[in-house]
Amino acid sequence: MPDIFTSAFSEAINFTPLHVLISLFIAFLAGATIAWIYLRTTKNGEFGGTFPITLTLLCILIAMVTQVIGDNVARAFGLVGALSIVRFRTVVRDTRDTAFVIFAVVVGMAIGAWNFWVAAIGIVLVGFAAYIMSRRINAPKDLGPLILLTIRVGLGQDPDSLTAEILDAHLEGRKLMSVSTAKQGTSLNFTYEAHLRPNASAIEIVKALNRIEGVQEVQWQLHGFKGD
């Protein structure tokens, strides 16, 4: 049988315990660096509380998987089949987050294959690009944190006509995210995503909205801290 087939299905593993320990520790440092880059290039309040931790763990796990697979094609197909049963239901809110997931995966693969220079150069260049692009995108406006604002009004009330003046004065980039019924269908909940304007106060927004006739309840929270 040709060597290409025998080597592909070989059971030999070339990594010693010391090699595994070193590579996984480096993967941990690289994952922590990727998480730090993500936090530094993300505006306050726009990231999930566990996402940076996920990036760190993902980098370590991919480095482990890369070492388990090695050059063994059969083992690679076996891992693909085993991991295919996993289903992730969390929706990535921003396509930029997907790029960081791929970033962590590629760096973890490079470290697992002992291509440390590829990982190091990639972290530097991708981190630099993320920093430059975040500065350019965020430069035009000095926005406050991203929030979720839920307003409950009576059935048949138009929340825009009731609250538009106050919301426009305190919020920037307001978007309607969801509408749901409450109190057995007698009320409606309208949830908005928006940035606080500079010097705007969340407390003042809640107070002003509560004084409007027809508004039954107001809830305010930072986006990304719902336990998602």
Protein backbone atom coordinates (compact mmCIF):
# COMPACT_ATOMS: atom_id res chain seq x y z
CA MET A 1 0.00 0.00 0.00
CA PRO A 2 1.40 3.45 -0.87
CA ASP A 3 2.90 5.44 2.00
CA ILE A 4 0.34 8.22 1.57
CA PHE A 5 -2.46 5.85 2.64
CA THR A 6 -0.57 4.15 5.47
CA SER A 7 0.55 7.49 6.96
CA ALA A 8 -2.94 8.92 6.71
CA PHE A 9 -4.35 6.14 8.91
CA SER A 10 -1.38 5.82 11.21
CA GLU A 11 -2.05 5.65 14.95
CA ALA A 12 1.28 7.20 15.94
CA ILE A 13 1.08 10.42 17.96
CA ASN A 14 4.20 12.57 17.94
CA PHE A 15 3.26 14.87 20.83
CA THR A 16 4.74 14.21 24.26
CA PRO A 17 2.93 15.36 27.43
CA LEU A 18 5.35 18.27 27.68
CA HIS A 19 4.57 19.33 24.11
CA VAL A 20 0.84 19.17 24.84
CA LEU A 21 1.23 21.22 28.02
CA ILE A 22 3.32 23.88 26.29
CA SER A 23 0.99 24.21 23.29
CA LEU A 24 -2.17 24.39 25.41
CA PHE A 25 -0.64 27.01 27.68
CA ILE A 26 0.38 29.06 24.65
CA ALA A 27 -3.15 28.60 23.28
CA PHE A 28 -4.51 29.94 26.56
CA LEU A 29 -2.31 33.03 26.30
CA ALA A 30 -3.27 33.52 22.66
CA GLY A 31 -6.98 33.10 23.41
CA ALA A 32 -6.76 35.59 26.26
CA THR A 33 -5.03 38.02 23.89
CA ILE A 34 -7.79 37.59 21.30
CA ALA A 35 -10.41 38.21 24.00
CA TRP A 36 -8.53 41.34 25.11
CA ILE A 37 -8.40 42.60 21.52
CA TYR A 38 -12.14 41.97 21.21
CA LEU A 39 -12.88 43.91 24.38
CA ARG A 40 -10.61 46.81 23.41
CA THR A 41 -12.17 47.13 19.94
CA THR A 42 -15.81 46.78 21.06
CA LYS A 43 -17.86 49.70 22.28
CA ASN A 44 -19.03 49.54 25.88
CA GLY A 45 -22.08 47.36 26.43
CA GLU A 46 -22.12 45.76 22.97
CA PHE A 47 -20.68 42.38 23.91
CA GLY A 48 -22.16 39.42 25.75
CA GLY A 49 -20.71 38.82 29.19
CA THR A 50 -19.43 35.32 28.30
CA PHE A 51 -18.23 35.91 24.75
CA PRO A 52 -14.61 36.88 25.62
CA ILE A 53 -14.37 33.75 27.82
CA THR A 54 -15.72 31.70 24.92
CA LEU A 55 -12.98 33.01 22.63
CA THR A 56 -10.29 31.97 25.12
CA LEU A 57 -11.71 28.49 25.66
CA LEU A 58 -12.31 28.01 21.93
CA CYS A 59 -8.66 28.69 21.14
CA ILE A 60 -7.54 26.07 23.69
CA LEU A 61 -10.06 23.48 22.50
CA ILE A 62 -9.12 23.88 18.84
CA ALA A 63 -5.45 23.46 19.76
CA MET A 64 -6.40 20.21 21.54
CA VAL A 65 -8.43 18.98 18.58
CA THR A 66 -5.59 19.75 16.17
CA GLN A 67 -3.19 17.66 18.25
CA VAL A 68 -5.68 14.80 18.58
CA ILE A 69 -6.17 14.68 14.81
CA GLY A 70 -2.51 15.08 13.83
CA ASP A 71 -2.03 13.63 10.35
CA ASN A 72 -4.63 10.90 10.83
CA VAL A 73 -7.44 11.25 8.29
CA ALA A 74 -9.61 8.59 9.94
CA ARG A 75 -9.42 10.39 13.28
CA ALA A 76 -10.31 13.66 11.58
CA PHE A 77 -13.49 12.20 10.08
CA GLY A 78 -14.36 10.61 13.41
CA LEU A 79 -14.11 13.94 15.23
CA VAL A 80 -16.18 15.67 12.56
CA GLY A 81 -18.91 13.08 13.04
CA ALA A 82 -18.77 13.34 16.82
CA LEU A 83 -18.89 17.15 16.84
CA SER A 84 -21.68 17.30 14.25
CA ILE A 85 -24.22 16.27 16.90
CA VAL A 86 -23.60 19.53 18.80
CA ARG A 87 -26.16 22.23 18.11
CA PHE A 88 -25.59 25.90 18.97
CA ARG A 89 -28.76 27.94 19.32
CA THR A 90 -27.21 31.25 20.34
CA VAL A 91 -27.48 33.75 17.48
CA VAL A 92 -24.40 35.89 16.88
CA ARG A 93 -25.67 39.47 17.03
CA ASP A 94 -22.88 41.03 14.96
CA THR A 95 -21.01 39.55 11.99
CA ARG A 96 -17.86 41.01 13.54
CA ASP A 97 -18.27 38.51 16.40
CA THR A 98 -18.22 35.71 13.83
CA ALA A 99 -14.90 37.00 12.55
CA PHE A 100 -13.45 36.80 16.07
CA VAL A 101 -14.73 33.22 16.43
CA ILE A 102 -12.91 32.30 13.20
CA PHE A 103 -9.88 34.22 14.50
CA ALA A 104 -9.76 32.09 17.65
CA VAL A 105 -10.26 28.87 15.64
CA VAL A 106 -7.43 29.61 13.19
CA VAL A 107 -5.00 30.66 15.93
CA GLY A 108 -5.86 27.54 17.92
CA MET A 109 -5.21 25.35 14.86
CA ALA A 110 -1.86 27.03 14.23
CA ILE A 111 -0.76 26.53 17.82
CA GLY A 112 -1.98 22.94 17.87
CA ALA A 113 0.12 22.28 14.77
CA TRP A 114 3.13 24.06 16.39
CA ASN A 115 3.10 26.86 13.82
CA PHE A 116 3.66 29.47 16.52
CA TRP A 117 4.92 32.14 14.14
CA VAL A 118 1.72 31.91 12.10
CA ALA A 119 -0.32 32.40 15.28
CA ALA A 120 1.85 35.26 16.56
CA ILE A 121 1.92 37.18 13.28
CA GLY A 122 -1.80 36.61 12.78
CA ILE A 123 -2.64 37.94 16.24
CA VAL A 124 -0.57 41.07 15.66
CA LEU A 125 -1.93 41.83 12.19
CA VAL A 126 -5.57 40.97 12.85
CA GLY A 127 -5.46 42.83 16.17
CA PHE A 128 -3.99 45.89 14.47
CA ALA A 129 -6.64 45.76 11.72
CA ALA A 130 -9.45 45.40 14.27
CA TYR A 131 -8.13 48.35 16.27
CA ILE A 132 -7.78 50.62 13.23
CA MET A 133 -11.20 49.73 11.85
CA SER A 134 -12.90 50.17 15.23
CA ARG A 135 -11.35 53.62 15.61
CA ARG A 136 -12.51 54.67 12.15
CA ILE A 137 -16.04 53.31 12.61
CA ASN A 138 -16.50 54.71 16.10
CA ALA A 139 -14.80 58.05 15.48
CA PRO A 140 -17.71 60.05 13.97
CA LYS A 141 -19.92 59.78 17.06
CA ASP A 142 -19.19 59.66 20.77
CA LEU A 143 -22.03 57.33 21.70
CA GLY A 144 -22.97 56.01 25.08
CA PRO A 145 -23.54 52.33 25.89
CA LEU A 146 -25.92 50.18 23.90
CA ILE A 147 -29.15 49.58 25.83
CA LEU A 148 -32.44 47.73 25.57
CA LEU A 149 -35.51 49.76 26.50
CA THR A 150 -38.87 48.04 26.97
CA ILE A 151 -42.01 50.17 27.08
CA ARG A 152 -45.43 48.73 27.99
CA VAL A 153 -48.50 50.53 26.67
CA GLY A 154 -52.19 49.72 26.58
CA LEU A 155 -53.62 47.79 23.67
CA GLY A 156 -54.47 50.18 20.84
CA GLN A 157 -51.93 52.82 21.91
CA ASP A 158 -49.24 53.96 19.45
CA PRO A 159 -45.90 54.01 21.32
CA ASP A 160 -44.22 56.18 18.69
CA SER A 161 -46.73 58.99 19.07
CA LEU A 162 -46.50 58.76 22.87
CA THR A 163 -42.75 58.47 23.35
CA ALA A 164 -40.98 59.59 20.14
CA GLU A 165 -40.12 63.07 21.42
CA ILE A 166 -38.46 61.80 24.61
CA LEU A 167 -36.69 58.87 22.94
CA ASP A 168 -35.28 61.01 20.12
CA ALA A 169 -33.97 63.51 22.66
CA HIS A 170 -32.07 60.91 24.71
CA LEU A 171 -31.30 58.02 22.33
CA GLU A 172 -29.32 57.57 19.13
CA GLY A 173 -29.94 54.95 16.44
CA ARG A 174 -33.16 53.65 17.95
CA LYS A 175 -34.42 50.33 16.45
CA LEU A 176 -37.55 48.36 17.31
CA MET A 177 -36.36 44.85 18.23
CA SER A 178 -39.51 43.05 19.34
CA VAL A 179 -43.21 43.41 20.14
CA SER A 180 -45.03 41.11 22.55
CA THR A 181 -48.30 40.97 24.46
CA ALA A 182 -48.60 41.30 28.23
CA LYS A 183 -51.26 41.10 30.91
CA GLN A 184 -53.24 38.45 29.02
CA GLY A 185 -53.26 40.44 25.81
CA THR A 186 -54.47 43.75 27.26
CA SER A 187 -51.07 45.43 26.84
CA LEU A 188 -48.16 45.46 24.42
CA ASN A 189 -44.42 45.46 25.16
CA PHE A 190 -42.20 47.33 22.68
CA THR A 191 -38.45 46.67 23.02
CA TYR A 192 -35.99 49.12 21.44
CA GLU A 193 -32.23 48.88 20.95
CA ALA A 194 -30.39 52.21 21.00
CA HIS A 195 -27.35 54.13 22.21
CA LEU A 196 -27.57 56.71 24.95
CA ARG A 197 -26.72 60.18 23.70
CA PRO A 198 -23.78 61.95 25.36
CA ASN A 199 -24.76 63.30 28.79
CA ALA A 200 -28.11 61.46 28.63
CA SER A 201 -29.30 59.76 31.80
CA ALA A 202 -31.13 56.43 31.80
CA ILE A 203 -32.88 57.39 35.03
CA GLU A 204 -34.21 60.59 33.50
CA ILE A 205 -35.51 58.65 30.47
CA VAL A 206 -37.40 56.22 32.70
CA LYS A 207 -38.84 59.05 34.80
CA ALA A 208 -39.95 61.01 31.73
CA LEU A 209 -41.57 57.98 30.11
CA ASN A 210 -43.40 57.01 33.30
CA ARG A 211 -45.00 60.45 33.43
CA ILE A 212 -46.65 59.90 30.01
CA GLU A 213 -50.31 58.94 30.19
CA GLY A 214 -50.77 55.56 28.52
CA VAL A 215 -47.31 54.21 29.42
CA GLN A 216 -47.77 51.43 31.99
CA GLU A 217 -44.20 50.23 32.59
CA VAL A 218 -40.63 51.01 31.50
CA GLN A 219 -37.61 48.68 31.75
CA TRP A 220 -34.04 49.62 30.94
CA GLN A 221 -30.92 47.43 30.75
CA LEU A 222 -27.49 47.32 29.16
CA HIS A 223 -27.46 45.20 26.01
CA GLY A 224 -25.45 41.97 26.43
CA PHE A 225 -26.08 41.53 30.17
CA LYS A 226 -29.31 39.54 30.03
CA GLY A 227 -27.51 36.27 30.77
CA ASP A 228 -27.32 35.40 27.04
